[in-house]
Protein backbone atom coordinates (compact mmCIF):
# COMPACT_ATOMS: atom_id res chain seq x y z
CA MET A 1 108.48 113.43 69.51
CA LEU A 2 106.32 111.31 67.43
CA ASP A 3 104.78 107.82 68.34
CA ARG A 4 104.85 106.19 64.63
CA ILE A 5 105.16 102.90 66.30
CA THR A 6 102.27 102.43 68.43
CA PRO A 7 99.65 103.08 65.50
CA THR A 8 100.84 100.56 63.96
CA HIS A 9 99.53 97.88 66.34
CA ARG A 10 95.97 96.63 66.36
CA PRO A 11 93.72 98.72 68.55
CA GLU A 12 91.80 96.84 71.27
CA GLY A 13 88.22 95.75 70.64
CA ARG A 14 86.18 94.97 67.57
CA ALA A 15 86.43 96.18 64.25
CA ASN A 16 83.56 97.73 62.58
CA SER A 17 84.67 96.55 58.90
CA THR A 18 87.01 94.48 56.80
CA GLN A 19 88.45 95.45 53.40
CA SER A 20 91.34 94.93 50.79
CA TRP A 21 93.38 97.58 49.56
CA ARG A 22 94.57 96.51 46.58
CA SER A 23 96.99 97.68 43.44
CA LEU A 24 97.96 100.90 45.30
CA LEU A 25 99.74 103.85 43.55
CA PHE A 26 101.22 106.01 46.02
CA MET A 27 102.47 109.38 44.26
CA HIS A 28 103.46 112.70 46.37
CA TRP A 29 104.31 116.09 45.48
CA PRO A 30 105.93 118.80 47.46
CA VAL A 31 104.06 121.69 48.73
CA PRO A 32 105.00 125.00 50.25
CA VAL A 33 104.32 124.73 54.41
CA ASP A 34 102.07 128.07 54.44
CA VAL A 35 99.76 126.89 51.40
CA MET A 36 99.45 123.94 53.17
CA ARG A 37 98.96 125.18 56.42
CA ARG A 38 95.92 127.29 55.22
CA LEU A 39 94.59 124.38 53.88
CA VAL A 40 94.28 121.97 56.88
CA PRO A 41 92.20 122.75 59.95
CA GLU A 42 93.14 123.44 63.49
CA PRO A 43 94.31 122.41 65.73
CA LEU A 44 95.98 119.69 63.53
CA GLU A 45 99.76 120.46 62.83
CA LEU A 46 101.72 119.55 59.79
CA ASP A 47 103.79 116.15 59.69
CA LEU A 48 106.63 117.18 57.45
CA TRP A 49 109.20 115.31 56.09
CA GLU A 50 112.55 117.25 56.09
CA GLY A 51 111.09 120.27 56.60
CA THR A 52 108.46 119.61 53.27
CA ALA A 53 105.32 119.28 53.69
CA TYR A 54 103.62 116.79 50.75
CA ILE A 55 100.70 116.03 49.19
CA GLY A 56 99.78 112.62 47.95
CA VAL A 57 97.08 111.25 45.33
CA VAL A 58 96.60 107.34 45.80
CA PRO A 59 94.60 105.47 43.04
CA PHE A 60 93.74 101.84 44.04
CA LYS A 61 91.36 99.02 44.32
CA MET A 62 88.82 98.56 46.69
CA GLN A 63 88.17 94.78 47.76
CA ARG A 64 85.87 92.56 49.96
CA VAL A 65 84.53 95.47 51.32
CA ARG A 66 81.91 94.92 54.42
CA PRO A 67 80.39 95.59 57.96
CA LYS A 68 81.51 92.88 59.91
CA TRP A 69 77.57 92.36 60.17
CA LEU A 70 77.42 91.47 56.92
CA PRO A 71 77.93 88.18 54.99
CA SER A 72 81.08 87.57 53.28
CA ALA A 73 79.01 86.98 50.44
CA PHE A 74 77.20 90.42 50.29
CA ALA A 75 81.03 92.11 50.15
CA PHE A 76 81.44 95.03 47.21
CA GLU A 77 84.09 96.56 45.55
CA PHE A 78 85.20 99.39 43.67
CA LEU A 79 87.93 101.98 42.60
CA GLU A 80 89.00 104.72 44.59
CA ALA A 81 91.38 107.24 44.79
CA ASN A 82 92.07 109.70 47.74
CA VAL A 83 94.17 113.37 47.92
CA ARG A 84 95.69 113.74 51.17
CA THR A 85 98.31 114.69 53.40
CA TYR A 86 100.16 114.37 56.38
CA VAL A 87 99.35 115.63 59.80
CA TYR A 88 99.47 114.98 63.47
CA TYR A 89 97.80 115.96 67.17
CA GLY A 90 99.55 115.41 70.08
CA ASN A 91 101.89 112.91 69.55
CA GLN A 92 99.53 111.06 67.06
CA PRO A 93 100.71 111.07 63.35
CA GLY A 94 98.02 110.88 60.72
CA VAL A 95 96.49 111.32 57.38
CA TYR A 96 94.29 114.11 56.44
CA PHE A 97 92.15 113.42 53.65
CA PHE A 98 91.21 116.40 51.11
CA SER A 99 89.04 114.33 48.90
CA LEU A 100 88.13 110.71 48.11
CA GLU A 101 86.62 109.56 44.70
CA ALA A 102 84.58 106.24 44.67
CA ALA A 103 83.09 104.62 41.90
CA SER A 104 80.20 103.12 44.23
CA ALA A 105 77.05 105.79 45.30
CA LEU A 106 76.75 103.54 48.10
CA ALA A 107 80.10 103.80 49.60
CA VAL A 108 80.25 107.81 48.95
CA TRP A 109 76.49 107.41 50.94
CA CYS A 110 78.20 105.64 53.38
CA ALA A 111 81.32 107.06 54.27
CA ARG A 112 79.79 110.99 53.88
CA GLN A 113 76.91 109.91 56.25
CA PHE A 114 78.51 107.57 59.29
CA TRP A 115 82.34 109.32 58.97
CA GLY A 116 81.79 112.59 57.60
CA LEU A 117 84.75 112.18 54.84
CA PRO A 118 84.93 114.57 51.77
CA TYR A 119 84.16 111.22 49.18
CA TYR A 120 82.55 111.89 45.49
CA TYR A 121 81.05 109.52 43.50
CA ALA A 122 82.86 109.14 39.98
CA TYR A 123 83.11 107.16 37.10
CA MET A 124 86.41 105.07 37.02
CA ASN A 125 88.39 102.39 35.37
CA THR A 126 91.54 101.04 35.27
CA HIS A 127 93.65 98.19 33.10
CA GLU A 128 97.06 96.90 32.32
CA GLU A 129 98.76 96.26 28.70
CA ASN A 130 102.35 95.55 28.45
CA GLU A 131 102.93 96.01 32.00
CA ILE A 132 101.66 99.34 32.17
CA ILE A 133 98.65 100.13 34.45
CA GLN A 134 96.09 103.10 33.42
CA TYR A 135 93.85 104.54 35.87
CA GLU A 136 91.01 106.88 35.22
CA SER A 137 88.57 108.86 37.31
CA VAL A 138 86.15 111.44 36.18
CA ARG A 139 84.06 112.83 39.00
CA ARG A 140 80.28 112.69 38.25
CA HIS A 141 79.02 116.38 38.89
CA SER A 142 82.50 118.57 38.47
CA GLY A 143 83.78 116.37 35.87
CA ALA A 144 87.52 116.49 37.40
CA LYS A 145 89.33 114.13 36.34
CA HIS A 146 92.41 111.84 37.13
CA LYS A 147 94.29 109.97 34.67
CA VAL A 148 97.91 108.21 35.33
CA ARG A 149 99.63 106.06 33.54
CA TYR A 150 102.57 104.01 35.23
CA ARG A 151 104.71 100.70 35.86
CA VAL A 152 105.63 98.75 38.72
CA GLY A 153 109.51 98.94 39.37
CA GLU A 154 111.99 97.54 41.80
CA LYS A 155 110.74 96.11 44.90
CA LEU A 156 111.82 97.28 47.88
CA GLY A 157 110.06 94.95 50.52
CA PRO A 158 108.37 95.87 53.86
CA THR A 159 108.23 99.40 55.00
CA GLN A 160 111.11 100.23 57.45
CA PRO A 161 110.40 103.07 60.22
CA GLU A 162 112.18 106.13 59.68
CA THR A 163 112.46 105.80 55.82
CA LEU A 164 110.32 107.67 53.14
CA GLU A 165 108.24 105.10 52.40
CA PHE A 166 107.41 104.37 56.02
CA PHE A 167 106.44 108.53 56.35
CA PHE A 168 104.30 108.06 53.04
CA LEU A 169 102.64 104.51 53.64
CA GLU A 170 102.37 103.37 57.12
CA ARG A 171 99.54 105.54 57.93
CA TYR A 172 97.11 103.88 60.74
CA VAL A 173 95.10 107.10 61.94
CA LEU A 174 92.82 109.40 60.17
CA PHE A 175 91.49 112.84 61.25
CA VAL A 176 88.34 114.39 60.24
CA GLU A 177 86.58 117.42 61.33
CA ARG A 178 82.98 116.83 61.47
CA LYS A 179 80.66 119.47 63.08
CA ARG A 180 83.28 121.61 64.11
CA GLN A 181 84.60 118.97 66.32
CA LEU A 182 87.63 116.84 65.53
CA LEU A 183 87.03 112.81 65.50
CA SER A 184 90.07 110.30 64.72
CA GLY A 185 89.49 106.92 62.99
CA ARG A 186 92.06 103.64 63.44
CA VAL A 187 92.61 101.35 60.62
CA TYR A 188 94.82 98.13 61.20
CA HIS A 189 96.57 95.99 58.71
CA GLN A 190 100.16 94.09 58.15
CA PRO A 191 102.83 96.46 57.03
CA TYR A 192 103.09 97.47 52.96
CA SER A 193 105.53 95.58 50.81
CA ALA A 194 106.37 98.31 48.81
CA HIS A 195 107.94 98.96 45.29
CA LEU A 196 109.14 101.65 43.07
CA ALA A 197 107.06 102.90 40.55
CA GLU A 198 107.72 104.79 37.26
CA VAL A 199 104.77 107.60 36.53
CA LEU A 200 104.88 107.60 32.29
CA SER A 201 102.27 110.25 32.47
CA ILE A 202 99.21 112.05 34.53
CA GLU A 203 96.40 114.50 34.13
CA ASP A 204 95.52 115.57 37.50
CA GLU A 205 92.46 118.23 38.32
CA LEU A 206 91.81 116.65 41.78
CA MET A 207 94.83 118.79 43.75
CA LEU A 208 93.21 121.58 41.99
CA ALA A 209 89.57 120.75 43.12
CA SER A 210 90.96 120.63 46.48
CA GLY A 211 92.61 123.78 46.60
CA PHE A 212 95.89 123.43 45.41
CA GLU A 213 97.56 125.13 42.05
CA TYR A 214 97.16 123.03 39.18
CA SER A 215 99.92 121.29 37.69
CA ASN A 216 100.73 118.01 35.75
CA GLU A 217 104.13 117.66 36.84
CA LEU A 218 105.42 114.21 37.29
CA PRO A 219 105.51 113.27 41.03
CA HIS A 220 108.79 113.65 42.89
CA PHE A 221 107.89 110.60 44.32
CA ALA A 222 105.71 107.31 43.03
CA HIS A 223 105.41 104.27 45.15
CA TYR A 224 102.99 100.95 44.33
CA SER A 225 102.29 98.24 46.71
CA PRO A 226 100.20 95.43 45.94
CA GLY A 227 98.14 95.37 48.80
CA VAL A 228 97.00 94.39 52.13
CA ASP A 229 93.91 93.37 54.26
CA VAL A 230 92.32 95.91 56.49
CA GLU A 231 90.20 96.13 59.81
CA THR A 232 88.38 99.58 60.11
CA PHE A 233 87.47 100.69 63.52
CA ASP A 234 85.16 103.74 64.60
CA LEU A 235 85.53 107.36 65.11
CA GLN A 236 86.36 108.69 68.30
CA PRO A 237 86.54 112.32 69.23
CA VAL A 238 89.86 113.60 70.22
CA SER A 239 89.03 117.49 70.90
């Protein structure tokens, strides 16, 4: 039985950074389990919702990002988008990232250097007009792009355990493979306040760049959250 509640509690010890995640759009598509299994490294197991594996694309804003030792006046911000799926190790559920775009060369360098995460530098922008939000990203070297237009829908409130929203949104553990070693990192924040979202159009090449078949099909599920304030903690070996 996976323990989905304990990871929502704040870990002991000192966080290594603080940041705010804002205006998050969570989009999800089903993927055949055998396809996902080939792309996720062992010994991670696939965390399935009612027997189905999902890939997620999540564009959002990173704000007030700073290591704990850096004065808040020097915090910085940038746009980010990640491609992810859901996994577990032992009884601990978490997230596995196939790629992460960021509109900050410094953030990309730090994440690759200190976390071993597959970040890519991208040209990114977002704007809102007539309650329609547009978000666009183009990877600097390969040109892989992501463009989505959406509007925020019905408010669902704080996510509740054993719901689809909790499964997709409330992920407090990340797993990363670095130098053939599996590591995990923790984050802490209050539960997301979730809304439904209506995706009006999408062009996405980030899933293709991660090894999945190209498709501009609208997501099967889309959720929005205005955001959370986050603490992050050091990576720890798990195997």
